[in-house]
Amino acid sequence: MTKPPVMLPDVLLEGLSENPTIASVTAIIGEELMGQLSADLGGMSITLSRDPGPANPVAASIGLDAARKIGQVYAGMNFEIPLRAGVKALIMALLNEGTAVNQIARRLRVSRRMIYKVMKGYKDPNQFDLF
């Protein structure tokens, strides 16, 4: 049984680089899944498959649909998976859950200063500007 291809909008395809980069793969799958991929497979070089199966390491990490989206664009190419991609998103998620700064620093192996920098750059979409 043939699986239907996962189609990407043409608008998304126009802004992608010729080779897989952190930015282009993040544009395809989103920051959260890029963070998950980095956490699971960071530091590895992987050849991206057009139609990955469930045993494929990328598919096992981020799911078949997301792995197929990447494969649709970058099949057969090597991708160096970064060690710390998506760490800002993870920091914000943990802060939003109420996790203390010291606990986040220990858990993610980052400095408290980095956490405060991420907090400073974050703008709450629910908060209005006063001026």
C-alpha atoms as a PDB file:
ATOM      1  CA  MET A   1       0.000   0.000   0.000  1.00  0.00           C
ATOM      2  CA  THR A   2       1.475   3.331  -1.079  1.00  0.00           C
ATOM      3  CA  LYS A   3       1.382   6.175   1.403  1.00  0.00           C
ATOM      4  CA  PRO A   4       0.123   9.535   0.167  1.00  0.00           C
ATOM      5  CA  PRO A   5       2.918  12.100  -0.055  1.00  0.00           C
ATOM      6  CA  VAL A   6       3.007  14.867   2.516  1.00  0.00           C
ATOM      7  CA  MET A   7       2.644  18.066   0.546  1.00  0.00           C
ATOM      8  CA  LEU A   8       4.221  21.352   1.563  1.00  0.00           C
ATOM      9  CA  PRO A   9       2.718  24.694   0.520  1.00  0.00           C
ATOM     10  CA  ASP A  10       4.595  26.382  -2.343  1.00  0.00           C
ATOM     11  CA  VAL A  11       4.973  29.507  -0.198  1.00  0.00           C
ATOM     12  CA  LEU A  12       7.014  27.529   2.332  1.00  0.00           C
ATOM     13  CA  LEU A  13       9.178  25.898  -0.341  1.00  0.00           C
ATOM     14  CA  GLU A  14      10.169  29.271  -1.828  1.00  0.00           C
ATOM     15  CA  GLY A  15      11.985  30.456   1.309  1.00  0.00           C
ATOM     16  CA  LEU A  16      14.039  27.304   1.916  1.00  0.00           C
ATOM     17  CA  SER A  17      17.750  26.917   1.271  1.00  0.00           C
ATOM     18  CA  GLU A  18      19.136  24.540  -1.336  1.00  0.00           C
ATOM     19  CA  ASN A  19      20.729  22.341   1.335  1.00  0.00           C
ATOM     20  CA  PRO A  20      19.289  21.412   4.746  1.00  0.00           C
ATOM     21  CA  THR A  21      20.155  24.007   7.380  1.00  0.00           C
ATOM     22  CA  ILE A  22      18.883  24.570  10.896  1.00  0.00           C
ATOM     23  CA  ALA A  23      16.752  27.459   9.682  1.00  0.00           C
ATOM     24  CA  SER A  24      15.246  25.614   6.722  1.00  0.00           C
ATOM     25  CA  VAL A  25      14.447  22.419   8.639  1.00  0.00           C
ATOM     26  CA  THR A  26      12.974  24.525  11.458  1.00  0.00           C
ATOM     27  CA  ALA A  27      10.801  26.324   8.884  1.00  0.00           C
ATOM     28  CA  ILE A  28       9.476  22.950   7.729  1.00  0.00           C
ATOM     29  CA  ILE A  29       8.808  21.254  11.073  1.00  0.00           C
ATOM     30  CA  GLY A  30       8.702  24.085  13.608  1.00  0.00           C
ATOM     31  CA  GLU A  31      10.913  25.082  16.502  1.00  0.00           C
ATOM     32  CA  GLU A  32       9.479  22.584  18.982  1.00  0.00           C
ATOM     33  CA  LEU A  33      10.123  19.543  16.770  1.00  0.00           C
ATOM     34  CA  MET A  34      13.562  20.880  15.815  1.00  0.00           C
ATOM     35  CA  GLY A  35      14.337  21.074  19.528  1.00  0.00           C
ATOM     36  CA  GLN A  36      13.160  17.480  19.965  1.00  0.00           C
ATOM     37  CA  LEU A  37      15.273  16.321  17.018  1.00  0.00           C
ATOM     38  CA  SER A  38      18.278  18.122  18.461  1.00  0.00           C
ATOM     39  CA  ALA A  39      17.734  16.620  21.905  1.00  0.00           C
ATOM     40  CA  ASP A  40      17.416  13.083  20.504  1.00  0.00           C
ATOM     41  CA  LEU A  41      19.964  13.077  17.679  1.00  0.00           C
ATOM     42  CA  GLY A  42      22.097  16.200  18.179  1.00  0.00           C
ATOM     43  CA  GLY A  43      25.667  15.886  16.953  1.00  0.00           C
ATOM     44  CA  MET A  44      24.853  13.240  14.346  1.00  0.00           C
ATOM     45  CA  SER A  45      25.090  13.461  10.574  1.00  0.00           C
ATOM     46  CA  ILE A  46      22.086  11.801   8.941  1.00  0.00           C
ATOM     47  CA  THR A  47      21.175  11.170   5.322  1.00  0.00           C
ATOM     48  CA  LEU A  48      17.578  12.267   4.946  1.00  0.00           C
ATOM     49  CA  SER A  49      15.183   9.750   3.430  1.00  0.00           C
ATOM     50  CA  ARG A  50      12.365  10.614   1.013  1.00  0.00           C
ATOM     51  CA  ASP A  51      10.007   8.068   2.583  1.00  0.00           C
ATOM     52  CA  PRO A  52      11.242   7.180   6.069  1.00  0.00           C
ATOM     53  CA  GLY A  53       9.745   4.240   7.907  1.00  0.00           C
ATOM     54  CA  PRO A  54       9.007   4.022  11.627  1.00  0.00           C
ATOM     55  CA  ALA A  55      12.512   2.655  12.327  1.00  0.00           C
ATOM     56  CA  ASN A  56      14.154   5.714  10.748  1.00  0.00           C
ATOM     57  CA  PRO A  57      15.864   7.688  13.555  1.00  0.00           C
ATOM     58  CA  VAL A  58      14.416  11.028  12.400  1.00  0.00           C
ATOM     59  CA  ALA A  59      10.901   9.570  12.210  1.00  0.00           C
ATOM     60  CA  ALA A  60      11.325   7.914  15.607  1.00  0.00           C
ATOM     61  CA  SER A  61      12.303  11.266  17.090  1.00  0.00           C
ATOM     62  CA  ILE A  62       9.767  13.663  15.533  1.00  0.00           C
ATOM     63  CA  GLY A  63       7.152  11.429  13.892  1.00  0.00           C
ATOM     64  CA  LEU A  64       6.570  10.103  10.401  1.00  0.00           C
ATOM     65  CA  ASP A  65       4.714  13.130   9.028  1.00  0.00           C
ATOM     66  CA  ALA A  66       7.414  15.599  10.047  1.00  0.00           C
ATOM     67  CA  ALA A  67      10.196  13.306   8.792  1.00  0.00           C
ATOM     68  CA  ARG A  68       8.409  12.948   5.445  1.00  0.00           C
ATOM     69  CA  LYS A  69       8.048  16.724   5.147  1.00  0.00           C
ATOM     70  CA  ILE A  70      11.808  17.097   5.541  1.00  0.00           C
ATOM     71  CA  GLY A  71      12.430  14.217   3.124  1.00  0.00           C
ATOM     72  CA  GLN A  72      10.165  15.749   0.492  1.00  0.00           C
ATOM     73  CA  VAL A  73      12.510  18.709   0.248  1.00  0.00           C
ATOM     74  CA  TYR A  74      15.929  17.292   1.198  1.00  0.00           C
ATOM     75  CA  ALA A  75      15.840  13.560   0.305  1.00  0.00           C
ATOM     76  CA  GLY A  76      19.283  12.027  -0.126  1.00  0.00           C
ATOM     77  CA  MET A  77      21.118  14.966   1.472  1.00  0.00           C
ATOM     78  CA  ASN A  78      23.160  14.892   4.655  1.00  0.00           C
ATOM     79  CA  PHE A  79      22.031  16.968   7.612  1.00  0.00           C
ATOM     80  CA  GLU A  80      24.257  17.762  10.565  1.00  0.00           C
ATOM     81  CA  ILE A  81      21.811  17.835  13.446  1.00  0.00           C
ATOM     82  CA  PRO A  82      22.821  20.572  15.892  1.00  0.00           C
ATOM     83  CA  LEU A  83      23.327  19.828  19.555  1.00  0.00           C
ATOM     84  CA  ARG A  84      21.376  22.737  21.025  1.00  0.00           C
ATOM     85  CA  ALA A  85      18.719  23.799  18.501  1.00  0.00           C
ATOM     86  CA  GLY A  86      15.458  24.845  20.055  1.00  0.00           C
ATOM     87  CA  VAL A  87      16.904  25.448  23.499  1.00  0.00           C
ATOM     88  CA  LYS A  88      15.198  28.859  23.666  1.00  0.00           C
ATOM     89  CA  ALA A  89      11.822  27.268  23.019  1.00  0.00           C
ATOM     90  CA  LEU A  90      12.505  24.677  25.705  1.00  0.00           C
ATOM     91  CA  ILE A  91      13.503  27.392  28.178  1.00  0.00           C
ATOM     92  CA  MET A  92      10.297  29.330  27.498  1.00  0.00           C
ATOM     93  CA  ALA A  93       8.167  26.197  27.783  1.00  0.00           C
ATOM     94  CA  LEU A  94       9.723  25.330  31.138  1.00  0.00           C
ATOM     95  CA  LEU A  95       9.334  28.902  32.391  1.00  0.00           C
ATOM     96  CA  ASN A  96       5.686  28.880  31.343  1.00  0.00           C
ATOM     97  CA  GLU A  97       5.222  25.659  33.323  1.00  0.00           C
ATOM     98  CA  GLY A  98       6.560  27.471  36.396  1.00  0.00           C
ATOM     99  CA  THR A  99       9.942  25.725  36.552  1.00  0.00           C
ATOM    100  CA  ALA A 100      12.540  27.671  38.536  1.00  0.00           C
ATOM    101  CA  VAL A 101      15.505  29.234  36.721  1.00  0.00           C
ATOM    102  CA  ASN A 102      18.031  27.136  38.675  1.00  0.00           C
ATOM    103  CA  GLN A 103      16.199  23.923  37.797  1.00  0.00           C
ATOM    104  CA  ILE A 104      16.072  24.863  34.101  1.00  0.00           C
ATOM    105  CA  ALA A 105      19.789  25.667  34.106  1.00  0.00           C
ATOM    106  CA  ARG A 106      20.642  22.277  35.603  1.00  0.00           C
ATOM    107  CA  ARG A 107      18.214  20.346  33.409  1.00  0.00           C
ATOM    108  CA  LEU A 108      19.260  21.928  30.096  1.00  0.00           C
ATOM    109  CA  ARG A 109      22.896  22.495  31.075  1.00  0.00           C
ATOM    110  CA  VAL A 110      22.790  26.193  30.309  1.00  0.00           C
ATOM    111  CA  SER A 111      23.762  29.192  32.397  1.00  0.00           C
ATOM    112  CA  ARG A 112      21.260  31.222  34.389  1.00  0.00           C
ATOM    113  CA  ARG A 113      22.441  34.215  32.398  1.00  0.00           C
ATOM    114  CA  MET A 114      21.297  32.564  29.172  1.00  0.00           C
ATOM    115  CA  ILE A 115      17.878  31.926  30.703  1.00  0.00           C
ATOM    116  CA  TYR A 116      17.574  35.574  31.718  1.00  0.00           C
ATOM    117  CA  LYS A 117      18.602  36.654  28.192  1.00  0.00           C
ATOM    118  CA  VAL A 118      15.861  34.472  26.729  1.00  0.00           C
ATOM    119  CA  MET A 119      13.371  35.901  29.223  1.00  0.00           C
ATOM    120  CA  LYS A 120      14.388  39.454  28.329  1.00  0.00           C
ATOM    121  CA  GLY A 121      13.842  38.839  24.609  1.00  0.00           C
ATOM    122  CA  TYR A 122      10.464  37.192  25.144  1.00  0.00           C
ATOM    123  CA  LYS A 123       7.354  39.262  24.583  1.00  0.00           C
ATOM    124  CA  ASP A 124       4.145  37.841  25.997  1.00  0.00           C
ATOM    125  CA  PRO A 125       1.551  37.917  23.189  1.00  0.00           C
ATOM    126  CA  ASN A 126      -1.206  38.345  25.786  1.00  0.00           C
ATOM    127  CA  GLN A 127       0.274  41.546  27.226  1.00  0.00           C
ATOM    128  CA  PHE A 128      -0.507  44.915  25.642  1.00  0.00           C
ATOM    129  CA  ASP A 129       2.056  47.668  25.126  1.00  0.00           C
ATOM    130  CA  LEU A 130       1.520  50.618  27.446  1.00  0.00           C
ATOM    131  CA  PHE A 131       3.096  53.171  25.157  1.00  0.00           C
END
